[in-house]
């Protein structure tokens, strides 16, 4: 699957060769505030935890993975958009309910890149009628990510405690139904 360019952004599905880019993004404590409490990622954590997790759900045919987002005019790396089935790392992944997430460099915040990139990817993937919904979770105190969810037309579903290898916090869960399905 390919994601076409928007007027401002280009997209590329990331892989194990992108560990340096993933590490660079995680070096700002403000970027990591609602993910790890501000603890930056080591290269070992990217290599030993993040890359294997990404490879587990990456499926280029279905569009699952981390989509690198670049500024079209300069090819500057801005961040990424995650796409994978909700509950992927449980025994019951929801292939008809795709999780969308984002992480962008702090200097890019406030320019609408996360919303533009996420909406464009949702629009592209929504052509698949087997997808019934797109969902997102964020630390319940992460008002900026929750604002992006609302801009994407998502509505609040619930708050619950989420814990995995990377995150341990109460999250707000938002969702939007696929308009095509």
C-alpha atoms as a PDB file:
ATOM      1  CA  UNK A   1       0.000   0.000   0.000  1.00  0.00           C
ATOM      2  CA  UNK A   2       1.125   3.507  -0.753  1.00  0.00           C
ATOM      3  CA  UNK A   3       0.039   6.709   0.943  1.00  0.00           C
ATOM      4  CA  UNK A   4      -0.017   9.583  -1.544  1.00  0.00           C
ATOM      5  CA  UNK A   5       1.351  13.022  -0.730  1.00  0.00           C
ATOM      6  CA  UNK A   6      -0.787  15.820   0.641  1.00  0.00           C
ATOM      7  CA  UNK A   7      -0.073  19.424  -0.331  1.00  0.00           C
ATOM      8  CA  UNK A   8       2.499  19.648   2.499  1.00  0.00           C
ATOM      9  CA  UNK A   9       3.463  16.101   3.460  1.00  0.00           C
ATOM     10  CA  UNK A  10       4.958  12.902   2.083  1.00  0.00           C
ATOM     11  CA  UNK A  11       4.788   9.418   3.607  1.00  0.00           C
ATOM     12  CA  UNK A  12       6.988   6.312   3.722  1.00  0.00           C
ATOM     13  CA  UNK A  13       6.455   3.072   5.636  1.00  0.00           C
ATOM     14  CA  UNK A  14       9.311   2.750   8.132  1.00  0.00           C
ATOM     15  CA  UNK A  15      11.283  -0.437   8.797  1.00  0.00           C
ATOM     16  CA  UNK A  16      14.141  -1.775  10.928  1.00  0.00           C
ATOM     17  CA  UNK A  17      16.614   0.432   9.038  1.00  0.00           C
ATOM     18  CA  UNK A  18      14.991   3.524  10.566  1.00  0.00           C
ATOM     19  CA  UNK A  19      16.214   2.982  14.124  1.00  0.00           C
ATOM     20  CA  UNK A  20      18.262   6.193  14.096  1.00  0.00           C
ATOM     21  CA  UNK A  21      15.228   8.269  13.043  1.00  0.00           C
ATOM     22  CA  UNK A  22      13.077   6.621  15.707  1.00  0.00           C
ATOM     23  CA  UNK A  23      15.750   7.250  18.337  1.00  0.00           C
ATOM     24  CA  UNK A  24      16.164  10.924  17.335  1.00  0.00           C
ATOM     25  CA  UNK A  25      12.453  11.581  17.786  1.00  0.00           C
ATOM     26  CA  UNK A  26      12.504  10.058  21.270  1.00  0.00           C
ATOM     27  CA  UNK A  27      15.349  12.304  22.510  1.00  0.00           C
ATOM     28  CA  UNK A  28      13.118  15.212  23.577  1.00  0.00           C
ATOM     29  CA  UNK A  29      11.699  14.802  27.101  1.00  0.00           C
ATOM     30  CA  UNK A  30       8.675  16.923  26.081  1.00  0.00           C
ATOM     31  CA  UNK A  31       7.892  14.530  23.210  1.00  0.00           C
ATOM     32  CA  UNK A  32       8.139  11.636  25.665  1.00  0.00           C
ATOM     33  CA  UNK A  33       6.254  13.317  28.534  1.00  0.00           C
ATOM     34  CA  UNK A  34       2.997  11.392  28.126  1.00  0.00           C
ATOM     35  CA  UNK A  35       4.626   8.187  26.916  1.00  0.00           C
ATOM     36  CA  UNK A  36       7.421   7.512  29.408  1.00  0.00           C
ATOM     37  CA  UNK A  37       7.028  10.379  31.857  1.00  0.00           C
ATOM     38  CA  UNK A  38       9.715  12.288  29.957  1.00  0.00           C
ATOM     39  CA  UNK A  39      12.359   9.565  29.943  1.00  0.00           C
ATOM     40  CA  UNK A  40      14.152   9.545  26.594  1.00  0.00           C
ATOM     41  CA  UNK A  41      14.718   6.271  24.750  1.00  0.00           C
ATOM     42  CA  UNK A  42      18.130   4.653  24.573  1.00  0.00           C
ATOM     43  CA  UNK A  43      19.385   3.207  21.310  1.00  0.00           C
ATOM     44  CA  UNK A  44      19.188  -0.208  22.981  1.00  0.00           C
ATOM     45  CA  UNK A  45      15.490   0.265  23.800  1.00  0.00           C
ATOM     46  CA  UNK A  46      14.771   1.291  20.203  1.00  0.00           C
ATOM     47  CA  UNK A  47      16.694  -1.725  18.900  1.00  0.00           C
ATOM     48  CA  UNK A  48      15.567  -4.321  21.466  1.00  0.00           C
ATOM     49  CA  UNK A  49      11.947  -3.265  22.127  1.00  0.00           C
ATOM     50  CA  UNK A  50      10.600  -0.697  19.659  1.00  0.00           C
ATOM     51  CA  UNK A  51      11.889  -2.216  16.383  1.00  0.00           C
ATOM     52  CA  UNK A  52      10.716  -5.787  17.179  1.00  0.00           C
ATOM     53  CA  UNK A  53       7.280  -4.445  18.182  1.00  0.00           C
ATOM     54  CA  UNK A  54       7.056  -2.424  14.947  1.00  0.00           C
ATOM     55  CA  UNK A  55       8.102  -5.455  12.874  1.00  0.00           C
ATOM     56  CA  UNK A  56       5.425  -7.583  14.576  1.00  0.00           C
ATOM     57  CA  UNK A  57       2.546  -5.438  13.286  1.00  0.00           C
ATOM     58  CA  UNK A  58       4.117  -4.040  10.103  1.00  0.00           C
ATOM     59  CA  UNK A  59       2.160  -5.191   7.036  1.00  0.00           C
ATOM     60  CA  UNK A  60       2.855  -3.159   3.922  1.00  0.00           C
ATOM     61  CA  UNK A  61      -0.077  -4.646   1.991  1.00  0.00           C
ATOM     62  CA  UNK A  62      -2.593  -3.588   4.659  1.00  0.00           C
ATOM     63  CA  UNK A  63      -0.870  -0.287   5.436  1.00  0.00           C
ATOM     64  CA  UNK A  64       0.007  -1.268   9.008  1.00  0.00           C
ATOM     65  CA  UNK A  65       3.169   0.115  10.547  1.00  0.00           C
ATOM     66  CA  UNK A  66       4.801   3.433  11.241  1.00  0.00           C
ATOM     67  CA  UNK A  67       4.386   5.921   8.429  1.00  0.00           C
ATOM     68  CA  UNK A  68       7.248   8.393   8.348  1.00  0.00           C
ATOM     69  CA  UNK A  69       5.912  11.901   7.723  1.00  0.00           C
ATOM     70  CA  UNK A  70       8.169  14.365   5.896  1.00  0.00           C
ATOM     71  CA  UNK A  71       7.688  17.961   4.840  1.00  0.00           C
ATOM     72  CA  UNK A  72       7.187  17.757   1.083  1.00  0.00           C
ATOM     73  CA  UNK A  73       9.177  20.881   0.151  1.00  0.00           C
ATOM     74  CA  UNK A  74      12.353  20.017   2.118  1.00  0.00           C
ATOM     75  CA  UNK A  75      11.981  16.281   2.888  1.00  0.00           C
ATOM     76  CA  UNK A  76      12.479  17.143   6.588  1.00  0.00           C
ATOM     77  CA  UNK A  77      11.492  14.283   8.922  1.00  0.00           C
ATOM     78  CA  UNK A  78       8.622  15.566  11.082  1.00  0.00           C
ATOM     79  CA  UNK A  79       7.525  12.407  12.907  1.00  0.00           C
ATOM     80  CA  UNK A  80       5.393   9.355  12.335  1.00  0.00           C
ATOM     81  CA  UNK A  81       1.847   7.984  12.259  1.00  0.00           C
ATOM     82  CA  UNK A  82       1.180   4.510  13.660  1.00  0.00           C
ATOM     83  CA  UNK A  83      -1.397   2.153  12.147  1.00  0.00           C
ATOM     84  CA  UNK A  84      -2.118  -1.293  13.620  1.00  0.00           C
ATOM     85  CA  UNK A  85      -5.100  -3.289  14.835  1.00  0.00           C
ATOM     86  CA  UNK A  86      -6.346  -2.221  18.274  1.00  0.00           C
ATOM     87  CA  UNK A  87      -5.328  -4.718  20.947  1.00  0.00           C
ATOM     88  CA  UNK A  88      -2.588  -6.009  18.617  1.00  0.00           C
ATOM     89  CA  UNK A  89      -0.380  -7.273  21.427  1.00  0.00           C
ATOM     90  CA  UNK A  90      -3.191  -9.190  23.125  1.00  0.00           C
ATOM     91  CA  UNK A  91      -4.644 -12.535  22.111  1.00  0.00           C
ATOM     92  CA  UNK A  92      -7.518 -10.787  20.320  1.00  0.00           C
ATOM     93  CA  UNK A  93      -6.310  -8.112  17.877  1.00  0.00           C
ATOM     94  CA  UNK A  94      -9.145  -6.137  16.264  1.00  0.00           C
ATOM     95  CA  UNK A  95      -8.295  -6.139  12.567  1.00  0.00           C
ATOM     96  CA  UNK A  96     -11.524  -4.265  11.795  1.00  0.00           C
ATOM     97  CA  UNK A  97     -10.648  -1.503  14.304  1.00  0.00           C
ATOM     98  CA  UNK A  98      -7.375   0.179  13.435  1.00  0.00           C
ATOM     99  CA  UNK A  99      -5.413   2.086  16.039  1.00  0.00           C
ATOM    100  CA  UNK A 100      -3.910   5.336  14.857  1.00  0.00           C
ATOM    101  CA  UNK A 101      -1.245   7.143  16.820  1.00  0.00           C
ATOM    102  CA  UNK A 102       1.337   9.859  16.244  1.00  0.00           C
ATOM    103  CA  UNK A 103       4.627  11.197  17.484  1.00  0.00           C
ATOM    104  CA  UNK A 104       6.142  14.402  16.090  1.00  0.00           C
ATOM    105  CA  UNK A 105       9.147  16.557  16.912  1.00  0.00           C
ATOM    106  CA  UNK A 106       8.253  19.365  19.300  1.00  0.00           C
ATOM    107  CA  UNK A 107       9.315  22.049  16.804  1.00  0.00           C
ATOM    108  CA  UNK A 108       6.521  20.835  14.485  1.00  0.00           C
ATOM    109  CA  UNK A 109       3.739  21.113  17.075  1.00  0.00           C
ATOM    110  CA  UNK A 110       0.979  23.612  16.362  1.00  0.00           C
ATOM    111  CA  UNK A 111       1.251  23.416  12.570  1.00  0.00           C
ATOM    112  CA  UNK A 112      -1.485  20.825  12.032  1.00  0.00           C
ATOM    113  CA  UNK A 113       0.871  18.142  10.719  1.00  0.00           C
ATOM    114  CA  UNK A 114      -0.366  15.355  12.998  1.00  0.00           C
ATOM    115  CA  UNK A 115      -4.009  16.034  12.165  1.00  0.00           C
ATOM    116  CA  UNK A 116      -3.323  16.390   8.425  1.00  0.00           C
ATOM    117  CA  UNK A 117      -1.225  13.218   8.265  1.00  0.00           C
ATOM    118  CA  UNK A 118      -3.604  11.152  10.405  1.00  0.00           C
ATOM    119  CA  UNK A 119      -6.687  12.296   8.471  1.00  0.00           C
ATOM    120  CA  UNK A 120      -5.015  11.569   5.134  1.00  0.00           C
ATOM    121  CA  UNK A 121      -4.035   8.066   6.226  1.00  0.00           C
ATOM    122  CA  UNK A 122      -7.527   7.408   7.630  1.00  0.00           C
ATOM    123  CA  UNK A 123      -9.043   8.592   4.337  1.00  0.00           C
ATOM    124  CA  UNK A 124      -6.744   6.276   2.377  1.00  0.00           C
ATOM    125  CA  UNK A 125      -7.344   3.215   4.566  1.00  0.00           C
ATOM    126  CA  UNK A 126     -11.096   3.811   4.845  1.00  0.00           C
ATOM    127  CA  UNK A 127     -11.539   2.509   1.295  1.00  0.00           C
ATOM    128  CA  UNK A 128     -11.146  -0.935   2.859  1.00  0.00           C
ATOM    129  CA  UNK A 129     -14.751  -1.802   3.759  1.00  0.00           C
ATOM    130  CA  UNK A 130     -13.651  -4.446   6.272  1.00  0.00           C
ATOM    131  CA  UNK A 131     -12.403  -1.665   8.577  1.00  0.00           C
ATOM    132  CA  UNK A 132     -15.320  -0.656  10.791  1.00  0.00           C
ATOM    133  CA  UNK A 133     -13.528   1.975  12.896  1.00  0.00           C
ATOM    134  CA  UNK A 134     -10.366   3.941  13.611  1.00  0.00           C
ATOM    135  CA  UNK A 135      -9.381   4.385  17.253  1.00  0.00           C
ATOM    136  CA  UNK A 136      -6.760   6.213  19.278  1.00  0.00           C
ATOM    137  CA  UNK A 137      -5.555   6.230  22.850  1.00  0.00           C
ATOM    138  CA  UNK A 138      -3.528   8.817  24.741  1.00  0.00           C
ATOM    139  CA  UNK A 139      -2.581   9.545  28.312  1.00  0.00           C
ATOM    140  CA  UNK A 140      -5.721  11.085  29.802  1.00  0.00           C
ATOM    141  CA  UNK A 141      -3.745  14.273  30.566  1.00  0.00           C
ATOM    142  CA  UNK A 142      -2.395  14.678  27.026  1.00  0.00           C
ATOM    143  CA  UNK A 143      -4.798  17.387  25.921  1.00  0.00           C
ATOM    144  CA  UNK A 144      -2.913  18.052  22.672  1.00  0.00           C
ATOM    145  CA  UNK A 145      -3.308  14.460  21.436  1.00  0.00           C
ATOM    146  CA  UNK A 146      -6.919  14.384  22.587  1.00  0.00           C
ATOM    147  CA  UNK A 147      -7.496  17.593  20.592  1.00  0.00           C
ATOM    148  CA  UNK A 148      -6.118  15.840  17.474  1.00  0.00           C
ATOM    149  CA  UNK A 149      -8.510  12.938  18.106  1.00  0.00           C
ATOM    150  CA  UNK A 150     -11.437  15.351  18.242  1.00  0.00           C
ATOM    151  CA  UNK A 151     -10.274  17.113  15.051  1.00  0.00           C
ATOM    152  CA  UNK A 152     -10.305  13.686  13.378  1.00  0.00           C
ATOM    153  CA  UNK A 153     -13.999  13.401  14.279  1.00  0.00           C
ATOM    154  CA  UNK A 154     -13.375  10.850  17.011  1.00  0.00           C
ATOM    155  CA  UNK A 155     -15.626  10.664  20.039  1.00  0.00           C
ATOM    156  CA  UNK A 156     -14.817   9.594  23.569  1.00  0.00           C
ATOM    157  CA  UNK A 157     -15.398   5.908  24.354  1.00  0.00           C
ATOM    158  CA  UNK A 158     -13.846   5.366  27.793  1.00  0.00           C
ATOM    159  CA  UNK A 159     -10.865   5.852  30.081  1.00  0.00           C
ATOM    160  CA  UNK A 160      -8.967   2.801  31.300  1.00  0.00           C
ATOM    161  CA  UNK A 161      -5.566   1.718  32.583  1.00  0.00           C
ATOM    162  CA  UNK A 162      -3.189   0.691  29.795  1.00  0.00           C
ATOM    163  CA  UNK A 163       0.094  -1.089  30.348  1.00  0.00           C
ATOM    164  CA  UNK A 164       2.614  -2.645  27.988  1.00  0.00           C
ATOM    165  CA  UNK A 165       6.401  -2.648  27.473  1.00  0.00           C
ATOM    166  CA  UNK A 166       6.413   1.069  26.665  1.00  0.00           C
ATOM    167  CA  UNK A 167       3.469   2.710  28.450  1.00  0.00           C
ATOM    168  CA  UNK A 168       1.815   2.452  31.871  1.00  0.00           C
ATOM    169  CA  UNK A 169      -0.930   5.033  32.488  1.00  0.00           C
ATOM    170  CA  UNK A 170      -4.637   5.821  32.330  1.00  0.00           C
ATOM    171  CA  UNK A 171      -5.618   6.468  28.731  1.00  0.00           C
ATOM    172  CA  UNK A 172      -8.526   8.157  27.033  1.00  0.00           C
ATOM    173  CA  UNK A 173      -9.912   5.998  24.209  1.00  0.00           C
ATOM    174  CA  UNK A 174     -11.525   7.766  21.226  1.00  0.00           C
ATOM    175  CA  UNK A 175     -13.010   6.313  18.055  1.00  0.00           C
ATOM    176  CA  UNK A 176     -14.554   7.240  14.706  1.00  0.00           C
ATOM    177  CA  UNK A 177     -16.564   4.820  12.580  1.00  0.00           C
ATOM    178  CA  UNK A 178     -15.407   4.125   9.039  1.00  0.00           C
ATOM    179  CA  UNK A 179     -17.837   6.048   6.852  1.00  0.00           C
ATOM    180  CA  UNK A 180     -17.260   3.661   3.928  1.00  0.00           C
ATOM    181  CA  UNK A 181     -17.973   0.351   5.707  1.00  0.00           C
END
